[in-house]
PDB file of N, CA and C in Angstrom:
ATOM      1  N   UNK A   1     -29.947   4.504  14.705  1.00  0.00           N
ATOM      2  CA  UNK A   1     -28.810   4.510  14.959  1.00  0.00           C
ATOM      3  C   UNK A   1     -29.153   3.251  16.502  1.00  0.00           C
ATOM      4  N   UNK A   2     -28.832   2.405  16.378  1.00  0.00           N
ATOM      5  CA  UNK A   2     -28.469   1.478  18.020  1.00  0.00           C
ATOM      6  C   UNK A   2     -27.415   2.580  18.594  1.00  0.00           C
ATOM      7  N   UNK A   3     -28.015   2.058  19.813  1.00  0.00           N
ATOM      8  CA  UNK A   3     -26.708   2.201  21.301  1.00  0.00           C
ATOM      9  C   UNK A   3     -25.408   1.932  20.666  1.00  0.00           C
ATOM     10  N   UNK A   4     -24.867   0.994  19.547  1.00  0.00           N
ATOM     11  CA  UNK A   4     -23.226   0.506  19.612  1.00  0.00           C
ATOM     12  C   UNK A   4     -23.290   1.627  18.555  1.00  0.00           C
ATOM     13  N   UNK A   5     -23.882   2.283  17.563  1.00  0.00           N
ATOM     14  CA  UNK A   5     -23.140   2.622  16.229  1.00  0.00           C
ATOM     15  C   UNK A   5     -23.051   4.180  16.603  1.00  0.00           C
ATOM     16  N   UNK A   6     -21.142   4.385  16.731  1.00  0.00           N
ATOM     17  CA  UNK A   6     -20.746   5.483  16.460  1.00  0.00           C
ATOM     18  C   UNK A   6     -21.156   6.058  15.574  1.00  0.00           C
ATOM     19  N   UNK A   7     -21.260   7.326  15.698  1.00  0.00           N
ATOM     20  CA  UNK A   7     -21.514   8.367  14.452  1.00  0.00           C
ATOM     21  C   UNK A   7     -20.336   8.419  13.732  1.00  0.00           C
ATOM     22  N   UNK A   8     -20.126   8.120  12.757  1.00  0.00           N
ATOM     23  CA  UNK A   8     -18.549   7.748  11.572  1.00  0.00           C
ATOM     24  C   UNK A   8     -19.338   8.807  10.941  1.00  0.00           C
ATOM     25  N   UNK A   9     -19.324  10.574  10.940  1.00  0.00           N
ATOM     26  CA  UNK A   9     -19.586  10.777  10.263  1.00  0.00           C
ATOM     27  C   UNK A   9     -18.184  11.891  10.134  1.00  0.00           C
ATOM     28  N   UNK A  10     -18.085  12.700   9.495  1.00  0.00           N
ATOM     29  CA  UNK A  10     -16.157  13.470   9.844  1.00  0.00           C
ATOM     30  C   UNK A  10     -16.321  14.300  10.934  1.00  0.00           C
ATOM     31  N   UNK A  11     -15.158  14.540  11.508  1.00  0.00           N
ATOM     32  CA  UNK A  11     -15.513  15.564  12.542  1.00  0.00           C
ATOM     33  C   UNK A  11     -14.225  16.227  12.854  1.00  0.00           C
ATOM     34  N   UNK A  12     -14.237  17.767  12.944  1.00  0.00           N
ATOM     35  CA  UNK A  12     -13.284  18.206  13.047  1.00  0.00           C
ATOM     36  C   UNK A  12     -12.388  18.521  14.323  1.00  0.00           C
ATOM     37  N   UNK A  13     -11.430  17.780  14.425  1.00  0.00           N
ATOM     38  CA  UNK A  13     -10.169  16.714  14.818  1.00  0.00           C
ATOM     39  C   UNK A  13      -9.493  17.977  16.034  1.00  0.00           C
ATOM     40  N   UNK A  14      -8.929  18.808  15.111  1.00  0.00           N
ATOM     41  CA  UNK A  14      -7.342  19.769  15.925  1.00  0.00           C
ATOM     42  C   UNK A  14      -7.472  20.704  14.257  1.00  0.00           C
ATOM     43  N   UNK A  15      -7.971  22.041  15.115  1.00  0.00           N
ATOM     44  CA  UNK A  15      -7.893  22.888  14.333  1.00  0.00           C
ATOM     45  C   UNK A  15      -6.800  23.755  13.901  1.00  0.00           C
ATOM     46  N   UNK A  16      -5.773  23.206  15.040  1.00  0.00           N
ATOM     47  CA  UNK A  16      -4.726  23.620  14.819  1.00  0.00           C
ATOM     48  C   UNK A  16      -3.613  23.161  14.428  1.00  0.00           C
ATOM     49  N   UNK A  17      -4.054  21.553  13.907  1.00  0.00           N
ATOM     50  CA  UNK A  17      -2.621  20.456  13.496  1.00  0.00           C
ATOM     51  C   UNK A  17      -2.465  21.012  11.494  1.00  0.00           C
ATOM     52  N   UNK A  18      -1.465  20.932  11.898  1.00  0.00           N
ATOM     53  CA  UNK A  18      -0.969  20.935  10.688  1.00  0.00           C
ATOM     54  C   UNK A  18      -0.693  19.273   9.921  1.00  0.00           C
ATOM     55  N   UNK A  19      -0.948  19.353   8.383  1.00  0.00           N
ATOM     56  CA  UNK A  19      -0.445  17.646   7.869  1.00  0.00           C
ATOM     57  C   UNK A  19       1.152  17.714   7.841  1.00  0.00           C
ATOM     58  N   UNK A  20       1.465  16.503   8.158  1.00  0.00           N
ATOM     59  CA  UNK A  20       2.932  16.481   8.219  1.00  0.00           C
ATOM     60  C   UNK A  20       3.254  16.024   7.125  1.00  0.00           C
ATOM     61  N   UNK A  21       4.730  16.505   6.565  1.00  0.00           N
ATOM     62  CA  UNK A  21       5.092  16.512   4.965  1.00  0.00           C
ATOM     63  C   UNK A  21       5.158  15.056   5.141  1.00  0.00           C
ATOM     64  N   UNK A  22       5.250  14.628   4.223  1.00  0.00           N
ATOM     65  CA  UNK A  22       5.693  12.981   3.412  1.00  0.00           C
ATOM     66  C   UNK A  22       6.875  12.635   4.245  1.00  0.00           C
ATOM     67  N   UNK A  23       7.830  13.253   4.482  1.00  0.00           N
ATOM     68  CA  UNK A  23       9.339  12.414   4.551  1.00  0.00           C
ATOM     69  C   UNK A  23       9.340  12.574   6.340  1.00  0.00           C
ATOM     70  N   UNK A  24       8.425  13.163   7.202  1.00  0.00           N
ATOM     71  CA  UNK A  24       8.299  13.509   8.637  1.00  0.00           C
ATOM     72  C   UNK A  24       7.116  12.777   9.065  1.00  0.00           C
ATOM     73  N   UNK A  25       6.434  11.996   8.354  1.00  0.00           N
ATOM     74  CA  UNK A  25       5.325  11.278   8.999  1.00  0.00           C
ATOM     75  C   UNK A  25       5.953   9.539   9.026  1.00  0.00           C
ATOM     76  N   UNK A  26       5.660   8.613   9.923  1.00  0.00           N
ATOM     77  CA  UNK A  26       6.357   7.953  10.095  1.00  0.00           C
ATOM     78  C   UNK A  26       5.598   6.896  10.125  1.00  0.00           C
ATOM     79  N   UNK A  27       5.869   5.382   9.540  1.00  0.00           N
ATOM     80  CA  UNK A  27       4.737   4.411   9.089  1.00  0.00           C
ATOM     81  C   UNK A  27       4.482   3.908  10.148  1.00  0.00           C
ATOM     82  N   UNK A  28       2.689   4.291  10.093  1.00  0.00           N
ATOM     83  CA  UNK A  28       1.793   4.249  11.159  1.00  0.00           C
ATOM     84  C   UNK A  28       0.719   3.191  10.328  1.00  0.00           C
ATOM     85  N   UNK A  29       1.296   1.966   9.605  1.00  0.00           N
ATOM     86  CA  UNK A  29       0.279   1.262   8.993  1.00  0.00           C
ATOM     87  C   UNK A  29      -0.420   0.304  10.155  1.00  0.00           C
ATOM     88  N   UNK A  30       0.785  -0.453  11.140  1.00  0.00           N
ATOM     89  CA  UNK A  30       0.686  -0.968  12.274  1.00  0.00           C
ATOM     90  C   UNK A  30      -0.123  -0.312  13.350  1.00  0.00           C
ATOM     91  N   UNK A  31      -0.269   1.043  13.629  1.00  0.00           N
ATOM     92  CA  UNK A  31      -1.038   1.567  14.273  1.00  0.00           C
ATOM     93  C   UNK A  31      -2.693   0.992  13.531  1.00  0.00           C
ATOM     94  N   UNK A  32      -2.521   1.729  11.730  1.00  0.00           N
ATOM     95  CA  UNK A  32      -4.106   1.383  11.629  1.00  0.00           C
ATOM     96  C   UNK A  32      -4.792   0.354  11.595  1.00  0.00           C
ATOM     97  N   UNK A  33      -3.905  -1.032  11.793  1.00  0.00           N
ATOM     98  CA  UNK A  33      -4.108  -2.488  11.305  1.00  0.00           C
ATOM     99  C   UNK A  33      -4.406  -2.407  13.301  1.00  0.00           C
ATOM    100  N   UNK A  34      -3.855  -1.746  14.111  1.00  0.00           N
ATOM    101  CA  UNK A  34      -4.945  -2.159  15.866  1.00  0.00           C
ATOM    102  C   UNK A  34      -5.729  -1.405  15.740  1.00  0.00           C
ATOM    103  N   UNK A  35      -6.278  -0.160  15.245  1.00  0.00           N
ATOM    104  CA  UNK A  35      -7.128   0.231  15.501  1.00  0.00           C
ATOM    105  C   UNK A  35      -8.389  -0.293  15.124  1.00  0.00           C
ATOM    106  N   UNK A  36      -8.490  -0.890  13.614  1.00  0.00           N
ATOM    107  CA  UNK A  36      -9.068  -1.413  12.745  1.00  0.00           C
ATOM    108  C   UNK A  36      -9.308  -3.499  13.599  1.00  0.00           C
ATOM    109  N   UNK A  37      -8.004  -4.090  14.008  1.00  0.00           N
ATOM    110  CA  UNK A  37      -8.635  -5.038  14.722  1.00  0.00           C
ATOM    111  C   UNK A  37      -9.395  -4.778  15.611  1.00  0.00           C
ATOM    112  N   UNK A  38      -9.551  -3.666  16.623  1.00  0.00           N
ATOM    113  CA  UNK A  38      -9.899  -3.198  18.084  1.00  0.00           C
ATOM    114  C   UNK A  38     -11.378  -2.634  17.958  1.00  0.00           C
ATOM    115  N   UNK A  39     -11.636  -2.078  16.390  1.00  0.00           N
ATOM    116  CA  UNK A  39     -12.912  -1.333  16.477  1.00  0.00           C
ATOM    117  C   UNK A  39     -13.981  -2.750  15.480  1.00  0.00           C
ATOM    118  N   UNK A  40     -12.947  -3.723  15.079  1.00  0.00           N
ATOM    119  CA  UNK A  40     -13.826  -4.775  14.377  1.00  0.00           C
ATOM    120  C   UNK A  40     -14.230  -5.209  16.385  1.00  0.00           C
ATOM    121  N   UNK A  41     -13.466  -5.446  16.864  1.00  0.00           N
ATOM    122  CA  UNK A  41     -13.313  -6.465  18.538  1.00  0.00           C
ATOM    123  C   UNK A  41     -14.368  -5.645  19.577  1.00  0.00           C
ATOM    124  N   UNK A  42     -14.568  -4.435  19.028  1.00  0.00           N
ATOM    125  CA  UNK A  42     -15.641  -3.691  20.113  1.00  0.00           C
ATOM    126  C   UNK A  42     -17.361  -4.026  18.923  1.00  0.00           C
ATOM    127  N   UNK A  43     -16.793  -3.935  18.123  1.00  0.00           N
ATOM    128  CA  UNK A  43     -18.515  -3.820  17.377  1.00  0.00           C
ATOM    129  C   UNK A  43     -19.374  -4.994  17.407  1.00  0.00           C
ATOM    130  N   UNK A  44     -18.137  -6.363  17.463  1.00  0.00           N
ATOM    131  CA  UNK A  44     -18.759  -7.285  17.386  1.00  0.00           C
ATOM    132  C   UNK A  44     -19.135  -7.552  19.055  1.00  0.00           C
ATOM    133  N   UNK A  45     -18.643  -6.920  20.209  1.00  0.00           N
ATOM    134  CA  UNK A  45     -19.047  -7.455  21.893  1.00  0.00           C
ATOM    135  C   UNK A  45     -20.294  -6.355  21.587  1.00  0.00           C
ATOM    136  N   UNK A  46     -20.423  -5.550  20.843  1.00  0.00           N
ATOM    137  CA  UNK A  46     -21.995  -4.858  20.811  1.00  0.00           C
ATOM    138  C   UNK A  46     -22.726  -5.748  20.411  1.00  0.00           C
ATOM    139  N   UNK A  47     -22.293  -6.606  19.220  1.00  0.00           N
ATOM    140  CA  UNK A  47     -23.709  -7.296  19.016  1.00  0.00           C
ATOM    141  C   UNK A  47     -23.389  -8.527  19.629  1.00  0.00           C
ATOM    142  N   UNK A  48     -23.026  -8.673  20.031  1.00  0.00           N
ATOM    143  CA  UNK A  48     -23.183  -9.531  21.477  1.00  0.00           C
ATOM    144  C   UNK A  48     -23.610  -9.202  22.978  1.00  0.00           C
ATOM    145  N   UNK A  49     -23.782  -8.440  22.869  1.00  0.00           N
ATOM    146  CA  UNK A  49     -24.100  -7.417  24.064  1.00  0.00           C
ATOM    147  C   UNK A  49     -25.939  -7.317  23.721  1.00  0.00           C
ATOM    148  N   UNK A  50     -25.944  -6.587  22.632  1.00  0.00           N
ATOM    149  CA  UNK A  50     -27.263  -6.064  21.977  1.00  0.00           C
ATOM    150  C   UNK A  50     -28.731  -7.262  22.009  1.00  0.00           C
ATOM    151  N   UNK A  51     -27.609  -8.714  21.412  1.00  0.00           N
ATOM    152  CA  UNK A  51     -28.060 -10.188  21.321  1.00  0.00           C
ATOM    153  C   UNK A  51     -28.530 -10.499  23.153  1.00  0.00           C
ATOM    154  N   UNK A  52     -27.279 -10.194  24.393  1.00  0.00           N
ATOM    155  CA  UNK A  52     -27.899 -10.398  25.906  1.00  0.00           C
ATOM    156  C   UNK A  52     -29.210  -9.908  25.860  1.00  0.00           C
ATOM    157  N   UNK A  53     -29.329  -8.766  26.039  1.00  0.00           N
ATOM    158  CA  UNK A  53     -30.626  -7.440  26.215  1.00  0.00           C
ATOM    159  C   UNK A  53     -31.441  -8.183  25.951  1.00  0.00           C
ATOM    160  N   UNK A  54     -31.886  -8.218  24.142  1.00  0.00           N
ATOM    161  CA  UNK A  54     -32.505  -8.763  24.029  1.00  0.00           C
ATOM    162  C   UNK A  54     -33.257 -10.446  24.100  1.00  0.00           C
ATOM    163  N   UNK A  55     -32.204 -11.576  24.613  1.00  0.00           N
ATOM    164  CA  UNK A  55     -32.540 -12.170  25.346  1.00  0.00           C
ATOM    165  C   UNK A  55     -32.805 -12.177  27.043  1.00  0.00           C
ATOM    166  N   UNK A  56     -32.105 -11.584  27.877  1.00  0.00           N
ATOM    167  CA  UNK A  56     -32.633 -10.773  28.998  1.00  0.00           C
ATOM    168  C   UNK A  56     -34.262  -9.876  29.323  1.00  0.00           C
ATOM    169  N   UNK A  57     -34.562  -9.217  27.988  1.00  0.00           N
ATOM    170  CA  UNK A  57     -36.215  -8.926  27.924  1.00  0.00           C
ATOM    171  C   UNK A  57     -37.149 -10.189  27.124  1.00  0.00           C
ATOM    172  N   UNK A  58     -36.392 -10.405  26.369  1.00  0.00           N
ATOM    173  CA  UNK A  58     -37.803 -11.377  25.965  1.00  0.00           C
ATOM    174  C   UNK A  58     -37.687 -12.582  26.674  1.00  0.00           C
ATOM    175  N   UNK A  59     -36.486 -13.257  27.946  1.00  0.00           N
ATOM    176  CA  UNK A  59     -37.453 -14.141  28.544  1.00  0.00           C
ATOM    177  C   UNK A  59     -38.297 -14.295  29.336  1.00  0.00           C
ATOM    178  N   UNK A  60     -38.885 -15.021  29.345  1.00  0.00           N
ATOM    179  CA  UNK A  60     -40.413 -15.036  30.111  1.00  0.00           C
ATOM    180  C   UNK A  60     -41.441 -13.707  30.311  1.00  0.00           C
ATOM    181  N   UNK A  61     -41.133 -13.163  29.230  1.00  0.00           N
ATOM    182  CA  UNK A  61     -41.942 -11.883  29.617  1.00  0.00           C
ATOM    183  C   UNK A  61     -41.466 -11.262  30.542  1.00  0.00           C
ATOM    184  N   UNK A  62     -42.916 -11.015  31.648  1.00  0.00           N
ATOM    185  CA  UNK A  62     -42.512  -9.744  32.508  1.00  0.00           C
ATOM    186  C   UNK A  62     -41.787 -11.316  33.245  1.00  0.00           C
ATOM    187  N   UNK A  63     -41.365 -10.024  34.505  1.00  0.00           N
ATOM    188  CA  UNK A  63     -40.673 -10.524  35.686  1.00  0.00           C
ATOM    189  C   UNK A  63     -41.523 -10.884  36.634  1.00  0.00           C
ATOM    190  N   UNK A  64     -41.719 -12.714  37.375  1.00  0.00           N
ATOM    191  CA  UNK A  64     -42.057 -12.702  37.953  1.00  0.00           C
ATOM    192  C   UNK A  64     -42.469 -12.409  39.618  1.00  0.00           C
ATOM    193  N   UNK A  65     -41.097 -11.687  39.992  1.00  0.00           N
ATOM    194  CA  UNK A  65     -41.563 -10.530  41.431  1.00  0.00           C
ATOM    195  C   UNK A  65     -40.489  -9.784  41.571  1.00  0.00           C
ATOM    196  N   UNK A  66     -40.376  -8.577  42.424  1.00  0.00           N
ATOM    197  CA  UNK A  66     -39.680  -8.058  42.432  1.00  0.00           C
ATOM    198  C   UNK A  66     -37.710  -7.858  42.536  1.00  0.00           C
ATOM    199  N   UNK A  67     -37.949  -8.990  42.943  1.00  0.00           N
ATOM    200  CA  UNK A  67     -36.285  -9.759  42.783  1.00  0.00           C
ATOM    201  C   UNK A  67     -36.220  -9.946  41.321  1.00  0.00           C
ATOM    202  N   UNK A  68     -36.651 -10.389  40.839  1.00  0.00           N
ATOM    203  CA  UNK A  68     -36.636 -10.812  39.364  1.00  0.00           C
ATOM    204  C   UNK A  68     -36.488  -9.385  38.629  1.00  0.00           C
ATOM    205  N   UNK A  69     -37.073  -8.516  38.917  1.00  0.00           N
ATOM    206  CA  UNK A  69     -37.250  -7.314  38.099  1.00  0.00           C
ATOM    207  C   UNK A  69     -36.045  -6.581  38.527  1.00  0.00           C
ATOM    208  N   UNK A  70     -35.392  -6.467  39.604  1.00  0.00           N
ATOM    209  CA  UNK A  70     -34.101  -5.913  39.691  1.00  0.00           C
ATOM    210  C   UNK A  70     -33.027  -6.921  39.195  1.00  0.00           C
ATOM    211  N   UNK A  71     -32.811  -8.052  38.580  1.00  0.00           N
ATOM    212  CA  UNK A  71     -31.880  -8.674  38.849  1.00  0.00           C
ATOM    213  C   UNK A  71     -31.889  -8.461  37.597  1.00  0.00           C
ATOM    214  N   UNK A  72     -33.256  -8.165  36.565  1.00  0.00           N
ATOM    215  CA  UNK A  72     -33.341  -7.613  35.214  1.00  0.00           C
ATOM    216  C   UNK A  72     -32.677  -6.217  34.654  1.00  0.00           C
ATOM    217  N   UNK A  73     -32.903  -5.382  35.809  1.00  0.00           N
ATOM    218  CA  UNK A  73     -32.647  -3.771  36.074  1.00  0.00           C
ATOM    219  C   UNK A  73     -31.415  -3.797  36.150  1.00  0.00           C
ATOM    220  N   UNK A  74     -30.403  -4.421  36.821  1.00  0.00           N
ATOM    221  CA  UNK A  74     -28.922  -4.202  37.075  1.00  0.00           C
ATOM    222  C   UNK A  74     -28.320  -5.187  36.159  1.00  0.00           C
ATOM    223  N   UNK A  75     -28.808  -5.870  35.526  1.00  0.00           N
ATOM    224  CA  UNK A  75     -28.484  -6.150  34.235  1.00  0.00           C
ATOM    225  C   UNK A  75     -28.251  -5.732  33.369  1.00  0.00           C
ATOM    226  N   UNK A  76     -29.595  -5.158  32.811  1.00  0.00           N
ATOM    227  CA  UNK A  76     -29.986  -3.940  31.276  1.00  0.00           C
ATOM    228  C   UNK A  76     -28.665  -2.361  31.667  1.00  0.00           C
ATOM    229  N   UNK A  77     -28.525  -2.374  33.023  1.00  0.00           N
ATOM    230  CA  UNK A  77     -27.854  -0.979  33.107  1.00  0.00           C
ATOM    231  C   UNK A  77     -25.854  -1.801  33.424  1.00  0.00           C
ATOM    232  N   UNK A  78     -26.509  -2.653  33.263  1.00  0.00           N
ATOM    233  CA  UNK A  78     -24.433  -3.393  33.032  1.00  0.00           C
ATOM    234  C   UNK A  78     -24.157  -2.755  31.657  1.00  0.00           C
ATOM    235  N   UNK A  79     -24.790  -4.250  31.295  1.00  0.00           N
ATOM    236  CA  UNK A  79     -24.564  -4.043  29.682  1.00  0.00           C
ATOM    237  C   UNK A  79     -25.041  -2.318  29.204  1.00  0.00           C
ATOM    238  N   UNK A  80     -25.246  -1.450  29.320  1.00  0.00           N
ATOM    239  CA  UNK A  80     -26.128  -0.192  29.160  1.00  0.00           C
ATOM    240  C   UNK A  80     -25.010   0.837  29.636  1.00  0.00           C
ATOM    241  N   UNK A  81     -23.846   0.890  30.152  1.00  0.00           N
ATOM    242  CA  UNK A  81     -22.588   0.883  30.503  1.00  0.00           C
ATOM    243  C   UNK A  81     -21.223   0.759  29.740  1.00  0.00           C
ATOM    244  N   UNK A  82     -21.575  -0.876  29.645  1.00  0.00           N
ATOM    245  CA  UNK A  82     -20.277  -1.418  29.023  1.00  0.00           C
ATOM    246  C   UNK A  82     -20.648  -0.605  27.404  1.00  0.00           C
ATOM    247  N   UNK A  83     -22.224  -0.544  26.890  1.00  0.00           N
ATOM    248  CA  UNK A  83     -22.269  -0.494  25.117  1.00  0.00           C
ATOM    249  C   UNK A  83     -21.687   1.390  25.627  1.00  0.00           C
ATOM    250  N   UNK A  84     -21.849   1.562  26.145  1.00  0.00           N
ATOM    251  CA  UNK A  84     -21.330   3.270  26.305  1.00  0.00           C
ATOM    252  C   UNK A  84     -19.936   3.344  26.063  1.00  0.00           C
ATOM    253  N   UNK A  85     -19.556   3.323  27.200  1.00  0.00           N
ATOM    254  CA  UNK A  85     -17.858   2.715  26.980  1.00  0.00           C
ATOM    255  C   UNK A  85     -17.596   2.269  25.399  1.00  0.00           C
ATOM    256  N   UNK A  86     -17.857   1.420  25.044  1.00  0.00           N
ATOM    257  CA  UNK A  86     -17.608   1.056  24.180  1.00  0.00           C
ATOM    258  C   UNK A  86     -17.534   2.164  22.773  1.00  0.00           C
ATOM    259  N   UNK A  87     -18.702   2.624  22.686  1.00  0.00           N
ATOM    260  CA  UNK A  87     -19.407   3.361  21.620  1.00  0.00           C
ATOM    261  C   UNK A  87     -18.091   4.850  21.954  1.00  0.00           C
ATOM    262  N   UNK A  88     -17.721   4.966  23.547  1.00  0.00           N
ATOM    263  CA  UNK A  88     -17.087   6.411  23.304  1.00  0.00           C
ATOM    264  C   UNK A  88     -16.122   5.911  22.388  1.00  0.00           C
ATOM    265  N   UNK A  89     -14.987   4.537  22.587  1.00  0.00           N
ATOM    266  CA  UNK A  89     -13.866   4.105  22.826  1.00  0.00           C
ATOM    267  C   UNK A  89     -13.888   3.677  20.909  1.00  0.00           C
ATOM    268  N   UNK A  90     -14.962   3.632  20.294  1.00  0.00           N
ATOM    269  CA  UNK A  90     -15.097   3.198  18.468  1.00  0.00           C
ATOM    270  C   UNK A  90     -15.162   4.687  18.188  1.00  0.00           C
ATOM    271  N   UNK A  91     -15.600   5.854  18.967  1.00  0.00           N
ATOM    272  CA  UNK A  91     -15.453   7.268  18.293  1.00  0.00           C
ATOM    273  C   UNK A  91     -13.733   7.714  19.014  1.00  0.00           C
ATOM    274  N   UNK A  92     -13.477   7.184  19.860  1.00  0.00           N
ATOM    275  CA  UNK A  92     -11.740   7.805  19.558  1.00  0.00           C
ATOM    276  C   UNK A  92     -11.114   6.800  18.378  1.00  0.00           C
ATOM    277  N   UNK A  93     -11.122   5.981  18.264  1.00  0.00           N
ATOM    278  CA  UNK A  93     -10.642   5.259  16.833  1.00  0.00           C
ATOM    279  C   UNK A  93     -11.089   6.389  15.809  1.00  0.00           C
ATOM    280  N   UNK A  94     -12.416   6.078  15.353  1.00  0.00           N
ATOM    281  CA  UNK A  94     -12.793   7.065  13.966  1.00  0.00           C
ATOM    282  C   UNK A  94     -12.377   7.896  14.345  1.00  0.00           C
ATOM    283  N   UNK A  95     -11.927   8.429  15.077  1.00  0.00           N
ATOM    284  CA  UNK A  95     -10.838  10.145  15.497  1.00  0.00           C
ATOM    285  C   UNK A  95      -9.861  10.067  14.791  1.00  0.00           C
ATOM    286  N   UNK A  96      -9.216   8.697  15.236  1.00  0.00           N
ATOM    287  CA  UNK A  96      -7.468   8.466  14.858  1.00  0.00           C
ATOM    288  C   UNK A  96      -7.486   8.306  13.997  1.00  0.00           C
ATOM    289  N   UNK A  97      -8.199   7.717  13.379  1.00  0.00           N
ATOM    290  CA  UNK A  97      -8.683   6.677  11.776  1.00  0.00           C
ATOM    291  C   UNK A  97      -8.656   8.148  10.726  1.00  0.00           C
ATOM    292  N   UNK A  98      -9.132   8.903  11.246  1.00  0.00           N
ATOM    293  CA  UNK A  98      -9.016  10.149  10.596  1.00  0.00           C
ATOM    294  C   UNK A  98      -7.785  10.851  10.493  1.00  0.00           C
ATOM    295  N   UNK A  99      -7.340  11.118  11.738  1.00  0.00           N
ATOM    296  CA  UNK A  99      -6.062  12.037  11.595  1.00  0.00           C
ATOM    297  C   UNK A  99      -4.858  11.417  10.876  1.00  0.00           C
ATOM    298  N   UNK A 100      -4.822   9.892  10.665  1.00  0.00           N
ATOM    299  CA  UNK A 100      -4.355   8.960   9.587  1.00  0.00           C
ATOM    300  C   UNK A 100      -4.720   9.792   8.794  1.00  0.00           C
ATOM    301  N   UNK A 101      -5.858   9.940   8.154  1.00  0.00           N
ATOM    302  CA  UNK A 101      -6.155  10.435   6.674  1.00  0.00           C
ATOM    303  C   UNK A 101      -5.175  11.787   6.437  1.00  0.00           C
ATOM    304  N   UNK A 102      -5.664  12.737   7.774  1.00  0.00           N
ATOM    305  CA  UNK A 102      -5.520  13.703   7.147  1.00  0.00           C
ATOM    306  C   UNK A 102      -4.251  14.399   7.218  1.00  0.00           C
ATOM    307  N   UNK A 103      -3.188  13.221   7.938  1.00  0.00           N
ATOM    308  CA  UNK A 103      -1.839  13.231   8.122  1.00  0.00           C
ATOM    309  C   UNK A 103      -1.285  14.517   9.220  1.00  0.00           C
ATOM    310  N   UNK A 104      -2.669  14.089  10.179  1.00  0.00           N
ATOM    311  CA  UNK A 104      -2.067  14.877  11.437  1.00  0.00           C
ATOM    312  C   UNK A 104      -1.901  13.926  12.741  1.00  0.00           C
ATOM    313  N   UNK A 105      -1.839  12.094  12.461  1.00  0.00           N
ATOM    314  CA  UNK A 105      -1.324  11.215  13.895  1.00  0.00           C
ATOM    315  C   UNK A 105      -0.333  11.720  14.134  1.00  0.00           C
ATOM    316  N   UNK A 106      -0.287  11.601  15.147  1.00  0.00           N
ATOM    317  CA  UNK A 106       1.447  11.981  15.900  1.00  0.00           C
ATOM    318  C   UNK A 106       1.547  12.817  16.065  1.00  0.00           C
ATOM    319  N   UNK A 107       0.786  14.113  16.068  1.00  0.00           N
ATOM    320  CA  UNK A 107       0.677  15.487  16.029  1.00  0.00           C
ATOM    321  C   UNK A 107       0.325  15.813  17.618  1.00  0.00           C
ATOM    322  N   UNK A 108       0.830  16.273  18.698  1.00  0.00           N
ATOM    323  CA  UNK A 108      -0.013  17.179  20.018  1.00  0.00           C
ATOM    324  C   UNK A 108      -1.307  17.991  19.066  1.00  0.00           C
ATOM    325  N   UNK A 109      -2.150  17.634  19.794  1.00  0.00           N
ATOM    326  CA  UNK A 109      -3.559  18.616  19.837  1.00  0.00           C
ATOM    327  C   UNK A 109      -2.979  19.398  20.173  1.00  0.00           C
ATOM    328  N   UNK A 110      -2.470  19.581  21.599  1.00  0.00           N
ATOM    329  CA  UNK A 110      -2.199  21.051  22.281  1.00  0.00           C
ATOM    330  C   UNK A 110      -1.704  21.560  21.849  1.00  0.00           C
ATOM    331  N   UNK A 111      -0.145  21.004  20.977  1.00  0.00           N
ATOM    332  CA  UNK A 111       1.159  22.053  20.690  1.00  0.00           C
ATOM    333  C   UNK A 111       1.512  21.672  19.164  1.00  0.00           C
ATOM    334  N   UNK A 112       1.164  20.469  18.910  1.00  0.00           N
ATOM    335  CA  UNK A 112       1.760  20.688  16.920  1.00  0.00           C
ATOM    336  C   UNK A 112       2.768  20.058  17.516  1.00  0.00           C
ATOM    337  N   UNK A 113       3.169  19.694  18.197  1.00  0.00           N
ATOM    338  CA  UNK A 113       4.872  18.935  18.474  1.00  0.00           C
ATOM    339  C   UNK A 113       4.426  17.166  17.385  1.00  0.00           C
ATOM    340  N   UNK A 114       5.338  16.858  16.970  1.00  0.00           N
ATOM    341  CA  UNK A 114       5.068  15.418  17.016  1.00  0.00           C
ATOM    342  C   UNK A 114       5.798  14.542  18.559  1.00  0.00           C
ATOM    343  N   UNK A 115       4.651  13.471  18.405  1.00  0.00           N
ATOM    344  CA  UNK A 115       4.737  12.911  19.673  1.00  0.00           C
ATOM    345  C   UNK A 115       5.703  11.172  18.911  1.00  0.00           C
ATOM    346  N   UNK A 116       6.804  11.316  19.435  1.00  0.00           N
ATOM    347  CA  UNK A 116       7.381   9.873  19.715  1.00  0.00           C
ATOM    348  C   UNK A 116       6.612   8.720  19.192  1.00  0.00           C
ATOM    349  N   UNK A 117       6.975   8.363  18.576  1.00  0.00           N
ATOM    350  CA  UNK A 117       5.878   6.691  18.316  1.00  0.00           C
ATOM    351  C   UNK A 117       6.181   6.029  19.648  1.00  0.00           C
ATOM    352  N   UNK A 118       7.508   5.692  19.987  1.00  0.00           N
ATOM    353  CA  UNK A 118       7.294   4.980  21.317  1.00  0.00           C
ATOM    354  C   UNK A 118       6.425   5.199  22.510  1.00  0.00           C
TER     355      UNK A 118
END
């Protein structure tokens, strides 16, 4: 599993949330579309960042001096930080999609009250 791959197995989102009855459900299809679009964007960014890291680490083999090595290290840290942030967002998107599937999307995980769509 790569650093950009989110664990996509199912996860217990909230033990207290009961699915909304069909009459109570809001049409969340636009949210589904937005979540899927953002997930695709993040996966594409992850692929780009992976390629950038590979190019930096493969360019010229061993850095010429300590300054070159420092720049490579800082750049690598930067891309790894971005990757971690993106991975976390992908996990949050996965959890939201699972709540949509279970019928608990739009319910507060703490109080189980309906969250207004606005």
